[in-house]
Amino acid sequence: MFVRVQRDDGPRGLQFVGIAVDQVDKVRQFAGEIGLNYPALIGGYGALELSKALGNSLMALPFTVIVDREGRIAHTQLGPLKDDQLAGLLNQLL
């Protein structure tokens, strides 16, 4: 879903950034398989600590943070986002 939305909404100013907790080789393989079209940072356990600092007290995955153009957190979500939910959130911000 994120690859498609990045492709479609990137021209409107959207930029996804993935943060992975896996090993570099596995992240590269996954990125190739899905045609990743946005940056992916590999943070290991530190990425889970970052997610905790952003509101993910359980440090569980998936965890999504949507940041607005001014750098403010507009939405956080523990668990998967549905397509229509993401579209609604992004339409408010783009």
PDB file of N, CA and C in Angstrom:
ATOM      1  N   MET A   1       0.820  -1.185   0.000  1.00  0.00           N
ATOM      2  CA  MET A   1       0.000   0.000   0.000  1.00  0.00           C
ATOM      3  C   MET A   1       0.871   1.258   0.000  1.00  0.00           C
ATOM      4  N   PHE A   2       1.921   1.310   0.833  1.00  0.00           N
ATOM      5  CA  PHE A   2       2.739   2.514   0.921  1.00  0.00           C
ATOM      6  C   PHE A   2       3.457   2.808  -0.392  1.00  0.00           C
ATOM      7  N   VAL A   3       3.897   1.780  -1.102  1.00  0.00           N
ATOM      8  CA  VAL A   3       4.567   1.986  -2.396  1.00  0.00           C
ATOM      9  C   VAL A   3       3.609   2.666  -3.369  1.00  0.00           C
ATOM     10  N   ARG A   4       2.394   2.177  -3.437  1.00  0.00           N
ATOM     11  CA  ARG A   4       1.403   2.765  -4.353  1.00  0.00           C
ATOM     12  C   ARG A   4       1.076   4.202  -3.964  1.00  0.00           C
ATOM     13  N   VAL A   5       0.868   4.438  -2.686  1.00  0.00           N
ATOM     14  CA  VAL A   5       0.507   5.780  -2.237  1.00  0.00           C
ATOM     15  C   VAL A   5       1.673   6.746  -2.444  1.00  0.00           C
ATOM     16  N   GLN A   6       2.903   6.295  -2.214  1.00  0.00           N
ATOM     17  CA  GLN A   6       4.069   7.152  -2.464  1.00  0.00           C
ATOM     18  C   GLN A   6       4.132   7.531  -3.941  1.00  0.00           C
ATOM     19  N   ARG A   7       3.895   6.564  -4.802  1.00  0.00           N
ATOM     20  CA  ARG A   7       3.906   6.825  -6.249  1.00  0.00           C
ATOM     21  C   ARG A   7       2.821   7.828  -6.630  1.00  0.00           C
ATOM     22  N   ASP A   8       1.627   7.626  -6.106  1.00  0.00           N
ATOM     23  CA  ASP A   8       0.492   8.467  -6.495  1.00  0.00           C
ATOM     24  C   ASP A   8       0.524   9.855  -5.859  1.00  0.00           C
ATOM     25  N   ASP A   9       0.942   9.935  -4.602  1.00  0.00           N
ATOM     26  CA  ASP A   9       0.854  11.199  -3.870  1.00  0.00           C
ATOM     27  C   ASP A   9       2.194  11.892  -3.658  1.00  0.00           C
ATOM     28  N   GLY A  10       3.281  11.267  -4.064  1.00  0.00           N
ATOM     29  CA  GLY A  10       4.583  11.917  -3.965  1.00  0.00           C
ATOM     30  C   GLY A  10       4.619  13.285  -4.628  1.00  0.00           C
ATOM     31  N   PRO A  11       4.033  13.425  -5.834  1.00  0.00           N
ATOM     32  CA  PRO A  11       4.028  14.739  -6.483  1.00  0.00           C
ATOM     33  C   PRO A  11       3.283  15.820  -5.692  1.00  0.00           C
ATOM     34  N   ARG A  12       2.417  15.404  -4.766  1.00  0.00           N
ATOM     35  CA  ARG A  12       1.688  16.387  -3.935  1.00  0.00           C
ATOM     36  C   ARG A  12       2.450  16.726  -2.657  1.00  0.00           C
ATOM     37  N   GLY A  13       3.651  16.179  -2.511  1.00  0.00           N
ATOM     38  CA  GLY A  13       4.476  16.496  -1.351  1.00  0.00           C
ATOM     39  C   GLY A  13       4.605  15.387  -0.329  1.00  0.00           C
ATOM     40  N   LEU A  14       4.016  14.231  -0.596  1.00  0.00           N
ATOM     41  CA  LEU A  14       4.102  13.112   0.340  1.00  0.00           C
ATOM     42  C   LEU A  14       5.489  12.482   0.285  1.00  0.00           C
ATOM     43  N   GLN A  15       6.027  12.129   1.444  1.00  0.00           N
ATOM     44  CA  GLN A  15       7.269  11.365   1.489  1.00  0.00           C
ATOM     45  C   GLN A  15       7.194  10.364   2.630  1.00  0.00           C
ATOM     46  N   PHE A  16       7.129   9.089   2.277  1.00  0.00           N
ATOM     47  CA  PHE A  16       7.218   8.041   3.281  1.00  0.00           C
ATOM     48  C   PHE A  16       8.683   7.802   3.603  1.00  0.00           C
ATOM     49  N   VAL A  17       8.945   7.396   4.833  1.00  0.00           N
ATOM     50  CA  VAL A  17      10.258   6.925   5.256  1.00  0.00           C
ATOM     51  C   VAL A  17      10.002   5.677   6.084  1.00  0.00           C
ATOM     52  N   GLY A  18      10.549   4.566   5.644  1.00  0.00           N
ATOM     53  CA  GLY A  18      10.399   3.328   6.393  1.00  0.00           C
ATOM     54  C   GLY A  18      11.516   3.200   7.412  1.00  0.00           C
ATOM     55  N   ILE A  19      11.208   2.629   8.549  1.00  0.00           N
ATOM     56  CA  ILE A  19      12.226   2.349   9.560  1.00  0.00           C
ATOM     57  C   ILE A  19      12.146   0.864   9.866  1.00  0.00           C
ATOM     58  N   ALA A  20      13.223   0.166   9.547  1.00  0.00           N
ATOM     59  CA  ALA A  20      13.252  -1.288   9.672  1.00  0.00           C
ATOM     60  C   ALA A  20      14.009  -1.708  10.931  1.00  0.00           C
ATOM     61  N   VAL A  21      13.601  -2.823  11.494  1.00  0.00           N
ATOM     62  CA  VAL A  21      14.285  -3.378  12.661  1.00  0.00           C
ATOM     63  C   VAL A  21      14.980  -4.693  12.311  1.00  0.00           C
ATOM     64  N   ASP A  22      15.026  -5.018  11.049  1.00  0.00           N
ATOM     65  CA  ASP A  22      15.596  -6.281  10.589  1.00  0.00           C
ATOM     66  C   ASP A  22      17.034  -6.083  10.129  1.00  0.00           C
ATOM     67  N   GLN A  23      17.667  -7.159   9.688  1.00  0.00           N
ATOM     68  CA  GLN A  23      19.034  -7.102   9.185  1.00  0.00           C
ATOM     69  C   GLN A  23      19.058  -6.484   7.792  1.00  0.00           C
ATOM     70  N   VAL A  24      20.188  -5.851   7.462  1.00  0.00           N
ATOM     71  CA  VAL A  24      20.340  -5.131   6.198  1.00  0.00           C
ATOM     72  C   VAL A  24      19.986  -6.009   5.005  1.00  0.00           C
ATOM     73  N   ASP A  25      20.508  -7.225   4.948  1.00  0.00           N
ATOM     74  CA  ASP A  25      20.252  -8.102   3.800  1.00  0.00           C
ATOM     75  C   ASP A  25      18.767  -8.407   3.643  1.00  0.00           C
ATOM     76  N   LYS A  26      18.088  -8.642   4.739  1.00  0.00           N
ATOM     77  CA  LYS A  26      16.654  -8.936   4.674  1.00  0.00           C
ATOM     78  C   LYS A  26      15.861  -7.713   4.228  1.00  0.00           C
ATOM     79  N   VAL A  27      16.278  -6.536   4.695  1.00  0.00           N
ATOM     80  CA  VAL A  27      15.594  -5.305   4.290  1.00  0.00           C
ATOM     81  C   VAL A  27      15.793  -5.066   2.800  1.00  0.00           C
ATOM     82  N   ARG A  28      17.011  -5.246   2.311  1.00  0.00           N
ATOM     83  CA  ARG A  28      17.279  -5.075   0.875  1.00  0.00           C
ATOM     84  C   ARG A  28      16.460  -6.051   0.037  1.00  0.00           C
ATOM     85  N   GLN A  29      16.387  -7.291   0.471  1.00  0.00           N
ATOM     86  CA  GLN A  29      15.610  -8.290  -0.258  1.00  0.00           C
ATOM     87  C   GLN A  29      14.136  -7.893  -0.292  1.00  0.00           C
ATOM     88  N   PHE A  30      13.589  -7.521   0.844  1.00  0.00           N
ATOM     89  CA  PHE A  30      12.192  -7.104   0.919  1.00  0.00           C
ATOM     90  C   PHE A  30      11.951  -5.880   0.042  1.00  0.00           C
ATOM     91  N   ALA A  31      12.854  -4.915   0.101  1.00  0.00           N
ATOM     92  CA  ALA A  31      12.717  -3.697  -0.707  1.00  0.00           C
ATOM     93  C   ALA A  31      12.675  -4.034  -2.189  1.00  0.00           C
ATOM     94  N   GLY A  32      13.512  -4.961  -2.617  1.00  0.00           N
ATOM     95  CA  GLY A  32      13.506  -5.376  -4.017  1.00  0.00           C
ATOM     96  C   GLY A  32      12.231  -6.100  -4.401  1.00  0.00           C
ATOM     97  N   GLU A  33      11.740  -6.932  -3.507  1.00  0.00           N
ATOM     98  CA  GLU A  33      10.527  -7.704  -3.794  1.00  0.00           C
ATOM     99  C   GLU A  33       9.298  -6.816  -3.966  1.00  0.00           C
ATOM    100  N   ILE A  34       9.204  -5.756  -3.175  1.00  0.00           N
ATOM    101  CA  ILE A  34       8.006  -4.908  -3.247  1.00  0.00           C
ATOM    102  C   ILE A  34       8.209  -3.667  -4.108  1.00  0.00           C
ATOM    103  N   GLY A  35       9.431  -3.469  -4.633  1.00  0.00           N
ATOM    104  CA  GLY A  35       9.702  -2.285  -5.446  1.00  0.00           C
ATOM    105  C   GLY A  35       9.682  -1.014  -4.615  1.00  0.00           C
ATOM    106  N   LEU A  36      10.325  -1.057  -3.465  1.00  0.00           N
ATOM    107  CA  LEU A  36      10.320   0.070  -2.538  1.00  0.00           C
ATOM    108  C   LEU A  36      10.748   1.355  -3.244  1.00  0.00           C
ATOM    109  N   ASN A  37       9.939   2.391  -3.127  1.00  0.00           N
ATOM    110  CA  ASN A  37      10.198   3.658  -3.812  1.00  0.00           C
ATOM    111  C   ASN A  37      10.321   4.828  -2.836  1.00  0.00           C
ATOM    112  N   TYR A  38      10.654   4.526  -1.609  1.00  0.00           N
ATOM    113  CA  TYR A  38      10.895   5.553  -0.595  1.00  0.00           C
ATOM    114  C   TYR A  38      12.047   5.078   0.289  1.00  0.00           C
ATOM    115  N   PRO A  39      12.715   6.006   0.988  1.00  0.00           N
ATOM    116  CA  PRO A  39      13.868   5.609   1.799  1.00  0.00           C
ATOM    117  C   PRO A  39      13.476   4.679   2.935  1.00  0.00           C
ATOM    118  N   ALA A  40      14.379   3.770   3.244  1.00  0.00           N
ATOM    119  CA  ALA A  40      14.200   2.876   4.387  1.00  0.00           C
ATOM    120  C   ALA A  40      15.453   2.961   5.250  1.00  0.00           C
ATOM    121  N   LEU A  41      15.267   3.306   6.491  1.00  0.00           N
ATOM    122  CA  LEU A  41      16.360   3.374   7.447  1.00  0.00           C
ATOM    123  C   LEU A  41      16.372   2.084   8.246  1.00  0.00           C
ATOM    124  N   ILE A  42      17.552   1.605   8.570  1.00  0.00           N
ATOM    125  CA  ILE A  42      17.668   0.368   9.335  1.00  0.00           C
ATOM    126  C   ILE A  42      18.163   0.737  10.721  1.00  0.00           C
ATOM    127  N   GLY A  43      17.299   0.559  11.698  1.00  0.00           N
ATOM    128  CA  GLY A  43      17.618   1.030  13.031  1.00  0.00           C
ATOM    129  C   GLY A  43      17.760  -0.047  14.082  1.00  0.00           C
ATOM    130  N   GLY A  44      17.503  -1.302  13.740  1.00  0.00           N
ATOM    131  CA  GLY A  44      17.586  -2.352  14.734  1.00  0.00           C
ATOM    132  C   GLY A  44      16.733  -2.044  15.948  1.00  0.00           C
ATOM    133  N   TYR A  45      17.230  -2.417  17.120  1.00  0.00           N
ATOM    134  CA  TYR A  45      16.464  -2.193  18.349  1.00  0.00           C
ATOM    135  C   TYR A  45      16.256  -0.704  18.597  1.00  0.00           C
ATOM    136  N   GLY A  46      17.198   0.125  18.148  1.00  0.00           N
ATOM    137  CA  GLY A  46      17.060   1.569  18.305  1.00  0.00           C
ATOM    138  C   GLY A  46      15.807   2.101  17.643  1.00  0.00           C
ATOM    139  N   ALA A  47      15.387   1.458  16.568  1.00  0.00           N
ATOM    140  CA  ALA A  47      14.159   1.870  15.885  1.00  0.00           C
ATOM    141  C   ALA A  47      12.944   1.632  16.779  1.00  0.00           C
ATOM    142  N   LEU A  48      12.964   0.561  17.546  1.00  0.00           N
ATOM    143  CA  LEU A  48      11.863   0.310  18.482  1.00  0.00           C
ATOM    144  C   LEU A  48      11.851   1.353  19.596  1.00  0.00           C
ATOM    145  N   GLU A  49      13.028   1.744  20.045  1.00  0.00           N
ATOM    146  CA  GLU A  49      13.115   2.797  21.060  1.00  0.00           C
ATOM    147  C   GLU A  49      12.581   4.111  20.507  1.00  0.00           C
ATOM    148  N   LEU A  50      12.894   4.397  19.240  1.00  0.00           N
ATOM    149  CA  LEU A  50      12.371   5.602  18.594  1.00  0.00           C
ATOM    150  C   LEU A  50      10.850   5.551  18.533  1.00  0.00           C
ATOM    151  N   SER A  51      10.310   4.390  18.166  1.00  0.00           N
ATOM    152  CA  SER A  51       8.850   4.277  18.089  1.00  0.00           C
ATOM    153  C   SER A  51       8.222   4.482  19.464  1.00  0.00           C
ATOM    154  N   LYS A  52       8.896   4.028  20.504  1.00  0.00           N
ATOM    155  CA  LYS A  52       8.396   4.251  21.867  1.00  0.00           C
ATOM    156  C   LYS A  52       8.367   5.744  22.179  1.00  0.00           C
ATOM    157  N   ALA A  53       9.414   6.448  21.804  1.00  0.00           N
ATOM    158  CA  ALA A  53       9.479   7.896  22.039  1.00  0.00           C
ATOM    159  C   ALA A  53       8.388   8.637  21.268  1.00  0.00           C
ATOM    160  N   LEU A  54       7.928   8.045  20.165  1.00  0.00           N
ATOM    161  CA  LEU A  54       6.888   8.657  19.340  1.00  0.00           C
ATOM    162  C   LEU A  54       5.477   8.225  19.744  1.00  0.00           C
ATOM    163  N   GLY A  55       5.368   7.454  20.827  1.00  0.00           N
ATOM    164  CA  GLY A  55       4.050   7.101  21.335  1.00  0.00           C
ATOM    165  C   GLY A  55       3.706   5.624  21.328  1.00  0.00           C
ATOM    166  N   ASN A  56       4.596   4.775  20.854  1.00  0.00           N
ATOM    167  CA  ASN A  56       4.347   3.338  20.790  1.00  0.00           C
ATOM    168  C   ASN A  56       4.842   2.689  22.082  1.00  0.00           C
ATOM    169  N   SER A  57       4.078   2.832  23.146  1.00  0.00           N
ATOM    170  CA  SER A  57       4.519   2.351  24.454  1.00  0.00           C
ATOM    171  C   SER A  57       4.740   0.842  24.491  1.00  0.00           C
ATOM    172  N   LEU A  58       4.067   0.107  23.621  1.00  0.00           N
ATOM    173  CA  LEU A  58       4.235  -1.351  23.571  1.00  0.00           C
ATOM    174  C   LEU A  58       5.435  -1.774  22.732  1.00  0.00           C
ATOM    175  N   MET A  59       5.990  -0.841  21.950  1.00  0.00           N
ATOM    176  CA  MET A  59       7.087  -1.120  21.018  1.00  0.00           C
ATOM    177  C   MET A  59       6.732  -2.295  20.099  1.00  0.00           C
ATOM    178  N   ALA A  60       5.479  -2.342  19.674  1.00  0.00           N
ATOM    179  CA  ALA A  60       4.989  -3.389  18.784  1.00  0.00           C
ATOM    180  C   ALA A  60       4.964  -2.864  17.350  1.00  0.00           C
ATOM    181  N   LEU A  61       4.874  -3.775  16.409  1.00  0.00           N
ATOM    182  CA  LEU A  61       4.841  -3.424  14.986  1.00  0.00           C
ATOM    183  C   LEU A  61       3.613  -4.030  14.336  1.00  0.00           C
ATOM    184  N   PRO A  62       3.093  -3.434  13.286  1.00  0.00           N
ATOM    185  CA  PRO A  62       3.548  -2.188  12.673  1.00  0.00           C
ATOM    186  C   PRO A  62       3.102  -0.971  13.480  1.00  0.00           C
ATOM    187  N   PHE A  63       3.867   0.090  13.352  1.00  0.00           N
ATOM    188  CA  PHE A  63       3.563   1.364  13.996  1.00  0.00           C
ATOM    189  C   PHE A  63       3.792   2.452  12.963  1.00  0.00           C
ATOM    190  N   THR A  64       2.803   3.289  12.764  1.00  0.00           N
ATOM    191  CA  THR A  64       2.867   4.336  11.747  1.00  0.00           C
ATOM    192  C   THR A  64       2.761   5.698  12.409  1.00  0.00           C
ATOM    193  N   VAL A  65       3.616   6.605  11.966  1.00  0.00           N
ATOM    194  CA  VAL A  65       3.581   7.994  12.415  1.00  0.00           C
ATOM    195  C   VAL A  65       3.419   8.854  11.173  1.00  0.00           C
ATOM    196  N   ILE A  66       2.428   9.718  11.177  1.00  0.00           N
ATOM    197  CA  ILE A  66       2.232  10.657  10.071  1.00  0.00           C
ATOM    198  C   ILE A  66       2.587  12.043  10.592  1.00  0.00           C
ATOM    199  N   VAL A  67       3.521  12.679   9.894  1.00  0.00           N
ATOM    200  CA  VAL A  67       4.021  13.993  10.274  1.00  0.00           C
ATOM    201  C   VAL A  67       3.565  14.995   9.222  1.00  0.00           C
ATOM    202  N   ASP A  68       3.071  16.145   9.666  1.00  0.00           N
ATOM    203  CA  ASP A  68       2.593  17.145   8.709  1.00  0.00           C
ATOM    204  C   ASP A  68       3.752  17.967   8.140  1.00  0.00           C
ATOM    205  N   ARG A  69       3.440  18.901   7.274  1.00  0.00           N
ATOM    206  CA  ARG A  69       4.461  19.710   6.597  1.00  0.00           C
ATOM    207  C   ARG A  69       5.274  20.564   7.565  1.00  0.00           C
ATOM    208  N   GLU A  70       4.723  20.860   8.722  1.00  0.00           N
ATOM    209  CA  GLU A  70       5.427  21.670   9.713  1.00  0.00           C
ATOM    210  C   GLU A  70       6.253  20.819  10.680  1.00  0.00           C
ATOM    211  N   GLY A  71       6.243  19.502  10.465  1.00  0.00           N
ATOM    212  CA  GLY A  71       7.015  18.611  11.313  1.00  0.00           C
ATOM    213  C   GLY A  71       6.301  18.171  12.578  1.00  0.00           C
ATOM    214  N   ARG A  72       5.017  18.424  12.659  1.00  0.00           N
ATOM    215  CA  ARG A  72       4.228  18.011  13.824  1.00  0.00           C
ATOM    216  C   ARG A  72       3.605  16.634  13.578  1.00  0.00           C
ATOM    217  N   ILE A  73       3.537  15.843  14.624  1.00  0.00           N
ATOM    218  CA  ILE A  73       2.889  14.536  14.514  1.00  0.00           C
ATOM    219  C   ILE A  73       1.390  14.758  14.369  1.00  0.00           C
ATOM    220  N   ALA A  74       0.847  14.306  13.245  1.00  0.00           N
ATOM    221  CA  ALA A  74      -0.576  14.467  12.955  1.00  0.00           C
ATOM    222  C   ALA A  74      -1.375  13.225  13.333  1.00  0.00           C
ATOM    223  N   HIS A  75      -0.720  12.058  13.344  1.00  0.00           N
ATOM    224  CA  HIS A  75      -1.439  10.813  13.632  1.00  0.00           C
ATOM    225  C   HIS A  75      -0.425   9.728  13.959  1.00  0.00           C
ATOM    226  N   THR A  76      -0.754   8.885  14.915  1.00  0.00           N
ATOM    227  CA  THR A  76       0.016   7.667  15.172  1.00  0.00           C
ATOM    228  C   THR A  76      -0.951   6.497  15.178  1.00  0.00           C
ATOM    229  N   GLN A  77      -0.459   5.358  14.754  1.00  0.00           N
ATOM    230  CA  GLN A  77      -1.318   4.167  14.671  1.00  0.00           C
ATOM    231  C   GLN A  77      -0.500   2.929  14.985  1.00  0.00           C
ATOM    232  N   LEU A  78      -0.917   2.214  15.998  1.00  0.00           N
ATOM    233  CA  LEU A  78      -0.353   0.907  16.287  1.00  0.00           C
ATOM    234  C   LEU A  78      -1.230  -0.117  15.601  1.00  0.00           C
ATOM    235  N   GLY A  79      -0.634  -0.951  14.780  1.00  0.00           N
ATOM    236  CA  GLY A  79      -1.384  -1.918  13.993  1.00  0.00           C
ATOM    237  C   GLY A  79      -1.528  -1.430  12.565  1.00  0.00           C
ATOM    238  N   PRO A  80      -2.043  -2.276  11.704  1.00  0.00           N
ATOM    239  CA  PRO A  80      -2.127  -1.923  10.286  1.00  0.00           C
ATOM    240  C   PRO A  80      -3.103  -0.778  10.023  1.00  0.00           C
ATOM    241  N   LEU A  81      -2.773   0.008   9.013  1.00  0.00           N
ATOM    242  CA  LEU A  81      -3.674   1.047   8.503  1.00  0.00           C
ATOM    243  C   LEU A  81      -4.445   0.471   7.329  1.00  0.00           C
ATOM    244  N   LYS A  82      -5.701   0.804   7.235  1.00  0.00           N
ATOM    245  CA  LYS A  82      -6.493   0.412   6.066  1.00  0.00           C
ATOM    246  C   LYS A  82      -6.322   1.475   4.988  1.00  0.00           C
ATOM    247  N   ASP A  83      -6.475   1.073   3.734  1.00  0.00           N
ATOM    248  CA  ASP A  83      -6.312   1.997   2.606  1.00  0.00           C
ATOM    249  C   ASP A  83      -7.159   3.248   2.759  1.00  0.00           C
ATOM    250  N   ASP A  84      -8.449   3.069   3.064  1.00  0.00           N
ATOM    251  CA  ASP A  84      -9.337   4.232   3.154  1.00  0.00           C
ATOM    252  C   ASP A  84      -8.997   5.121   4.338  1.00  0.00           C
ATOM    253  N   GLN A  85      -8.511   4.530   5.403  1.00  0.00           N
ATOM    254  CA  GLN A  85      -8.102   5.309   6.570  1.00  0.00           C
ATOM    255  C   GLN A  85      -6.888   6.171   6.231  1.00  0.00           C
ATOM    256  N   LEU A  86      -5.897   5.577   5.577  1.00  0.00           N
ATOM    257  CA  LEU A  86      -4.710   6.329   5.181  1.00  0.00           C
ATOM    258  C   LEU A  86      -5.076   7.435   4.201  1.00  0.00           C
ATOM    259  N   ALA A  87      -5.927   7.126   3.233  1.00  0.00           N
ATOM    260  CA  ALA A  87      -6.342   8.136   2.250  1.00  0.00           C
ATOM    261  C   ALA A  87      -7.008   9.321   2.936  1.00  0.00           C
ATOM    262  N   GLY A  88      -7.875   9.063   3.892  1.00  0.00           N
ATOM    263  CA  GLY A  88      -8.545  10.145   4.607  1.00  0.00           C
ATOM    264  C   GLY A  88      -7.574  11.016   5.386  1.00  0.00           C
ATOM    265  N   LEU A  89      -6.617  10.377   6.052  1.00  0.00           N
ATOM    266  CA  LEU A  89      -5.622  11.132   6.810  1.00  0.00           C
ATOM    267  C   LEU A  89      -4.766  11.994   5.894  1.00  0.00           C
ATOM    268  N   LEU A  90      -4.332  11.414   4.784  1.00  0.00           N
ATOM    269  CA  LEU A  90      -3.457  12.154   3.876  1.00  0.00           C
ATOM    270  C   LEU A  90      -4.196  13.272   3.165  1.00  0.00           C
ATOM    271  N   ASN A  91      -5.450  13.061   2.827  1.00  0.00           N
ATOM    272  CA  ASN A  91      -6.222  14.115   2.161  1.00  0.00           C
ATOM    273  C   ASN A  91      -6.369  15.346   3.044  1.00  0.00           C
ATOM    274  N   GLN A  92      -6.386  15.153   4.347  1.00  0.00           N
ATOM    275  CA  GLN A  92      -6.461  16.285   5.269  1.00  0.00           C
ATOM    276  C   GLN A  92      -5.149  17.069   5.301  1.00  0.00           C
ATOM    277  N   LEU A  93      -4.047  16.395   4.990  1.00  0.00           N
ATOM    278  CA  LEU A  93      -2.728  17.007   5.144  1.00  0.00           C
ATOM    279  C   LEU A  93      -2.099  17.497   3.846  1.00  0.00           C
ATOM    280  N   LEU A  94      -2.492  16.912   2.723  1.00  0.00           N
ATOM    281  CA  LEU A  94      -1.845  17.286   1.451  1.00  0.00           C
ATOM    282  C   LEU A  94      -2.619  18.371   0.727  1.00  0.00           C
TER     283      LEU A  94
END
